Amino acid sequence: MNLLSLQSHVAYGHVGNSAAVFALQRLGVEVWPIHTVELSNHPGYGEFRGRVADAAAIHELVEGVAARAALARCDGVISGYVGAAAIGAEILAAVRAVKAANPAARYCCDPVIGDADRGIYVRPAVADFLRAEAVPAADVVTPNAFELGWLTGRASATLAQASAAIDALHARGPGVVLVTSLATAETPPDAIDLVVSDTAGRCRLRTPRLDHAANGAGDAIAALFFAHLLRGGSAADAMARAASSVFGILRRTAQAGAREMLLIEAQDEIVAPSTVFKPEPM
């Protein structure tokens, strides 16, 4: 399997492509990474070095890959953090080029906009681009609960409300929706939920809540979910495999008290999770 991954990159830590590329490679996936921003570390540290990529450079990189006659062998495109709206346009141009070369290819948009703790942390034009253009173009979307609410204008305080918001997101175009970090009135305080929805149905998966923050978990779960889905598993199975792997990595990270995901140290969790969680139909 070959995937084109357009996401952020950090030299230190594991977010964006710095999380997704290794996780995918550990599964045996060939990844062609293009970085939308190049930073020293996650901005959550309060300071960082680096810059947003130039949209023209991203265009040139995609053209260079296409010149190798590789796009016909590309099974999917995944996008994450978008540094500027102009970069978003180049991402969608890349998706169109891949699908023209391989009509079976699929596009997974991880709509990185914000989270419940910090609110929106991308530029307004980027958030608007994701809602108006990227999500409708996507086959698969993987928002967290905050992003689901922002994209649809709907609350997710209950499971019924979350389900209605997922319906609204499907109506925008994506056939597969994976929602992470979902805590509704039905979710126990010591747990966190994920919900996946497609034409086959809707399932919920519940894991213990880990009171330890680590950057990049959403990037890793989106990448792993997309890979498992493309390999022919059901959406529910892809969610279970991805969530189990990332939970194992995060548990090891919490036990060590590390700020960054112990992605390398806990890499066996990617292929053989120590705890496997089972989805249940909704």
Protein backbone atom coordinates (compact mmCIF):
# COMPACT_ATOMS: atom_id res chain seq x y z
CA MET A 1 0.00 0.00 0.00
CA ASN A 2 1.20 3.52 -0.87
CA LEU A 3 -0.08 6.67 0.83
CA LEU A 4 0.62 10.34 0.17
CA SER A 5 0.65 12.14 3.54
CA LEU A 6 0.43 15.94 3.66
CA GLN A 7 0.80 17.02 7.28
CA SER A 8 2.91 19.04 9.67
CA HIS A 9 6.38 17.90 10.72
CA VAL A 10 8.39 18.49 13.88
CA ALA A 11 12.05 17.72 14.45
CA TYR A 12 11.45 16.95 18.12
CA GLY A 13 8.51 14.81 19.17
CA HIS A 14 5.77 13.00 17.32
CA VAL A 15 2.96 15.03 15.75
CA GLY A 16 1.68 15.22 12.19
CA ASN A 17 3.91 13.36 9.78
CA SER A 18 6.36 12.82 12.64
CA ALA A 19 3.70 10.55 14.16
CA ALA A 20 1.87 9.22 11.12
CA VAL A 21 4.80 8.22 8.90
CA PHE A 22 6.50 5.87 11.34
CA ALA A 23 3.21 4.38 12.54
CA LEU A 24 2.22 3.62 8.96
CA GLN A 25 5.65 2.26 8.04
CA ARG A 26 5.52 -0.04 11.07
CA LEU A 27 2.37 -1.50 9.52
CA GLY A 28 4.24 -2.06 6.26
CA VAL A 29 2.75 0.92 4.43
CA GLU A 30 4.91 2.90 2.00
CA VAL A 31 4.48 6.60 2.82
CA TRP A 32 5.31 9.62 0.66
CA PRO A 33 5.37 12.52 3.17
CA ILE A 34 5.04 16.17 2.25
CA HIS A 35 5.24 18.63 5.13
CA THR A 36 2.79 21.52 5.41
CA VAL A 37 4.85 23.14 8.17
CA GLU A 38 8.36 22.45 9.42
CA LEU A 39 8.83 23.17 13.13
CA SER A 40 11.36 22.39 15.81
CA ASN A 41 8.66 21.12 18.18
CA HIS A 42 4.95 21.28 18.95
CA PRO A 43 3.80 24.89 19.58
CA GLY A 44 2.25 23.72 22.84
CA TYR A 45 5.65 24.12 24.48
CA GLY A 46 5.16 27.88 24.25
CA GLU A 47 8.04 28.49 21.87
CA PHE A 48 9.28 26.89 18.68
CA ARG A 49 11.35 27.54 15.58
CA GLY A 50 10.43 26.93 11.97
CA ARG A 51 7.87 28.09 9.44
CA VAL A 52 4.82 27.28 7.37
CA ALA A 53 5.61 25.66 4.06
CA ASP A 54 5.31 27.54 0.81
CA ALA A 55 2.26 26.46 -1.18
CA ALA A 56 4.23 26.59 -4.42
CA ALA A 57 6.83 24.23 -2.97
CA ILE A 58 4.12 21.72 -2.05
CA HIS A 59 2.81 21.94 -5.61
CA GLU A 60 6.30 21.25 -6.94
CA LEU A 61 6.77 18.26 -4.65
CA VAL A 62 3.51 16.68 -5.77
CA GLU A 63 4.48 17.32 -9.39
CA GLY A 64 7.82 15.64 -8.74
CA VAL A 65 6.15 12.53 -7.34
CA ALA A 66 3.76 12.51 -10.31
CA ALA A 67 6.72 12.72 -12.67
CA ARG A 68 7.87 9.36 -11.34
CA ALA A 69 4.57 7.89 -12.61
CA ALA A 70 3.80 7.05 -9.00
CA LEU A 71 0.31 8.46 -8.56
CA ALA A 72 -1.32 5.51 -10.31
CA ARG A 73 0.12 3.37 -7.49
CA CYS A 74 -1.11 5.68 -4.73
CA ASP A 75 -3.92 4.06 -2.72
CA GLY A 76 -4.85 7.12 -0.73
CA VAL A 77 -4.12 10.64 0.43
CA ILE A 78 -4.22 11.73 4.05
CA SER A 79 -4.05 15.34 5.17
CA GLY A 80 -3.64 16.79 8.65
CA TYR A 81 -2.57 20.20 9.91
CA VAL A 82 -2.85 22.88 7.22
CA GLY A 83 -0.62 25.87 7.82
CA ALA A 84 -2.36 28.24 5.38
CA ALA A 85 -5.45 28.22 3.18
CA ALA A 86 -3.27 28.32 0.06
CA ILE A 87 -1.71 25.04 1.17
CA GLY A 88 -5.19 23.58 1.46
CA ALA A 89 -5.81 24.32 -2.20
CA GLU A 90 -2.65 22.41 -3.08
CA ILE A 91 -3.76 19.46 -0.95
CA LEU A 92 -7.03 19.22 -2.84
CA ALA A 93 -5.17 19.57 -6.14
CA ALA A 94 -3.02 16.61 -5.06
CA VAL A 95 -6.14 14.61 -4.22
CA ARG A 96 -7.59 15.32 -7.65
CA ALA A 97 -4.32 14.31 -9.33
CA VAL A 98 -4.13 11.04 -7.40
CA LYS A 99 -7.77 10.16 -8.12
CA ALA A 100 -7.31 10.97 -11.80
CA ALA A 101 -4.41 8.52 -11.93
CA ASN A 102 -6.10 5.93 -9.69
CA PRO A 103 -9.89 6.28 -9.41
CA ALA A 104 -9.93 3.73 -6.57
CA ALA A 105 -7.81 5.96 -4.33
CA ARG A 106 -9.48 7.56 -1.30
CA TYR A 107 -8.93 10.79 0.58
CA CYS A 108 -8.83 10.96 4.38
CA CYS A 109 -9.08 14.44 5.88
CA ASP A 110 -8.07 14.80 9.51
CA PRO A 111 -9.59 18.28 10.01
CA VAL A 112 -7.15 19.73 12.53
CA ILE A 113 -8.94 22.80 13.90
CA GLY A 114 -8.75 22.71 17.69
CA ASP A 115 -9.83 20.88 20.81
CA ALA A 116 -12.03 21.34 23.85
CA ASP A 117 -9.18 22.57 26.07
CA ARG A 118 -7.77 25.24 23.76
CA GLY A 119 -10.55 26.02 21.30
CA ILE A 120 -9.61 26.84 17.71
CA TYR A 121 -5.84 27.06 17.18
CA VAL A 122 -5.60 27.36 13.39
CA ARG A 123 -6.01 30.48 11.28
CA PRO A 124 -9.66 31.40 10.56
CA ALA A 125 -9.13 30.97 6.82
CA VAL A 126 -7.80 27.46 7.40
CA ALA A 127 -10.79 26.46 9.54
CA ASP A 128 -13.14 27.86 6.91
CA PHE A 129 -11.30 25.97 4.17
CA LEU A 130 -11.59 22.70 6.04
CA ARG A 131 -15.33 23.12 6.58
CA ALA A 132 -16.22 24.48 3.13
CA GLU A 133 -13.83 22.58 0.86
CA ALA A 134 -11.76 19.81 2.42
CA VAL A 135 -14.51 17.96 4.29
CA PRO A 136 -16.88 17.86 1.28
CA ALA A 137 -14.04 16.49 -0.87
CA ALA A 138 -13.10 13.76 1.61
CA ASP A 139 -14.10 10.10 1.56
CA VAL A 140 -13.06 9.75 5.20
CA VAL A 141 -12.96 12.36 7.97
CA THR A 142 -11.55 11.92 11.48
CA PRO A 143 -12.54 14.90 13.67
CA ASN A 144 -12.29 14.99 17.43
CA ALA A 145 -15.48 15.85 19.32
CA PHE A 146 -14.70 19.59 19.37
CA GLU A 147 -14.04 19.60 15.61
CA LEU A 148 -17.23 17.64 14.95
CA GLY A 149 -19.18 20.37 16.73
CA TRP A 150 -17.41 23.19 14.92
CA LEU A 151 -17.81 21.62 11.50
CA THR A 152 -21.51 20.92 11.93
CA GLY A 153 -22.63 23.64 14.35
CA ARG A 154 -24.14 20.93 16.54
CA ALA A 155 -23.54 19.94 20.16
CA SER A 156 -22.46 16.46 21.23
CA ALA A 157 -23.46 16.53 24.88
CA THR A 158 -25.37 13.25 24.48
CA LEU A 159 -24.85 10.26 22.27
CA ALA A 160 -28.01 11.13 20.37
CA GLN A 161 -26.72 14.63 19.70
CA ALA A 162 -23.35 13.26 18.58
CA SER A 163 -25.14 10.88 16.24
CA ALA A 164 -27.12 13.76 14.73
CA ALA A 165 -23.90 15.72 14.24
CA ILE A 166 -22.35 12.72 12.49
CA ASP A 167 -25.38 12.55 10.21
CA ALA A 168 -24.86 16.23 9.40
CA LEU A 169 -21.21 15.57 8.57
CA HIS A 170 -22.15 12.66 6.29
CA ALA A 171 -24.52 15.01 4.52
CA ARG A 172 -21.53 17.19 3.62
CA GLY A 173 -20.03 14.33 1.60
CA PRO A 174 -17.76 11.95 3.57
CA GLY A 175 -18.90 8.33 3.54
CA VAL A 176 -16.85 7.37 6.61
CA VAL A 177 -16.70 9.42 9.82
CA LEU A 178 -14.52 8.58 12.82
CA VAL A 179 -15.01 10.78 15.89
CA THR A 180 -12.37 10.68 18.63
CA SER A 181 -12.20 12.10 22.16
CA LEU A 182 -15.96 11.91 22.60
CA ALA A 183 -17.32 12.37 26.12
CA THR A 184 -21.11 12.48 26.27
CA ALA A 185 -23.57 12.23 29.15
CA GLU A 186 -23.47 8.47 28.66
CA THR A 187 -19.67 8.25 28.91
CA PRO A 188 -18.37 7.31 32.39
CA PRO A 189 -15.96 9.87 33.91
CA ASP A 190 -13.08 7.39 33.75
CA ALA A 191 -13.59 6.59 30.07
CA ILE A 192 -13.51 8.15 26.62
CA ASP A 193 -15.45 7.12 23.51
CA LEU A 194 -14.83 6.86 19.79
CA VAL A 195 -17.60 6.49 17.24
CA VAL A 196 -17.30 5.35 13.64
CA SER A 197 -20.04 5.58 11.04
CA ASP A 198 -20.41 4.45 7.45
CA THR A 199 -23.01 2.78 5.24
CA ALA A 200 -22.62 -0.47 7.18
CA GLY A 201 -23.74 1.16 10.42
CA ARG A 202 -22.47 2.97 13.47
CA CYS A 203 -20.32 1.65 16.33
CA ARG A 204 -18.95 3.00 19.58
CA LEU A 205 -15.69 1.99 21.22
CA ARG A 206 -14.82 2.87 24.81
CA THR A 207 -11.36 2.98 26.37
CA PRO A 208 -10.19 3.98 29.84
CA ARG A 209 -9.39 7.66 30.19
CA LEU A 210 -5.69 8.35 30.69
CA ASP A 211 -5.10 11.50 32.72
CA HIS A 212 -1.95 12.32 30.79
CA ALA A 213 -1.70 14.53 27.72
CA ALA A 214 0.62 13.65 24.85
CA ASN A 215 0.86 15.39 21.50
CA GLY A 216 0.15 13.58 18.26
CA ALA A 217 -2.33 10.92 19.39
CA GLY A 218 -5.01 12.15 16.99
CA ASP A 219 -2.56 12.18 14.08
CA ALA A 220 -1.50 8.61 14.81
CA ILE A 221 -5.03 7.25 15.18
CA ALA A 222 -6.22 8.91 11.97
CA ALA A 223 -3.32 7.42 10.00
CA LEU A 224 -3.69 3.94 11.45
CA PHE A 225 -7.46 3.97 11.00
CA PHE A 226 -7.13 4.97 7.35
CA ALA A 227 -4.54 2.27 6.66
CA HIS A 228 -6.59 -0.48 8.29
CA LEU A 229 -9.69 0.72 6.43
CA LEU A 230 -7.92 0.67 3.06
CA ARG A 231 -6.66 -2.83 3.74
CA GLY A 232 -10.22 -4.00 3.48
CA GLY A 233 -11.32 -4.20 7.08
CA SER A 234 -14.65 -2.87 8.22
CA ALA A 235 -14.74 0.64 9.62
CA ALA A 236 -15.52 -0.81 13.05
CA ASP A 237 -12.52 -3.15 12.87
CA ALA A 238 -10.26 -0.34 11.64
CA MET A 239 -11.36 1.81 14.59
CA ALA A 240 -10.73 -1.01 17.06
CA ARG A 241 -7.25 -1.72 15.70
CA ALA A 242 -6.21 1.93 15.58
CA ALA A 243 -7.66 2.83 18.98
CA SER A 244 -6.12 -0.22 20.65
CA SER A 245 -2.68 0.61 19.24
CA VAL A 246 -2.77 4.27 20.22
CA PHE A 247 -4.13 3.47 23.68
CA GLY A 248 -1.23 1.09 24.25
CA ILE A 249 1.26 3.74 23.19
CA LEU A 250 -0.37 6.40 25.36
CA ARG A 251 -0.50 4.08 28.37
CA ARG A 252 3.23 3.45 28.06
CA THR A 253 3.74 7.19 27.69
CA ALA A 254 1.68 7.90 30.82
CA GLN A 255 3.52 5.26 32.83
CA ALA A 256 6.80 6.92 31.91
CA GLY A 257 5.47 10.43 32.60
CA ALA A 258 6.70 11.50 29.15
CA ARG A 259 5.34 14.58 27.40
CA GLU A 260 5.85 13.22 23.92
CA MET A 261 4.36 9.92 22.75
CA LEU A 262 6.79 7.04 23.20
CA LEU A 263 6.08 6.04 19.63
CA ILE A 264 9.41 4.31 19.03
CA GLU A 265 9.71 2.66 22.43
CA ALA A 266 6.13 1.34 22.27
CA GLN A 267 6.10 0.53 18.56
CA ASP A 268 5.06 -3.09 19.10
CA GLU A 269 1.65 -1.73 20.11
CA ILE A 270 1.16 -0.68 16.48
CA VAL A 271 1.22 -4.24 15.17
CA ALA A 272 0.19 -6.19 18.29
CA PRO A 273 -1.73 -4.08 20.82
CA SER A 274 -1.43 -5.37 24.37
CA THR A 275 -5.11 -4.59 24.97
CA VAL A 276 -7.69 -4.97 22.21
CA PHE A 277 -10.92 -3.02 22.63
CA LYS A 278 -14.13 -4.21 21.01
CA PRO A 279 -16.62 -1.89 19.29
CA GLU A 280 -20.31 -2.21 19.97
CA PRO A 281 -23.15 -1.35 17.57
CA MET A 282 -25.13 1.79 18.31
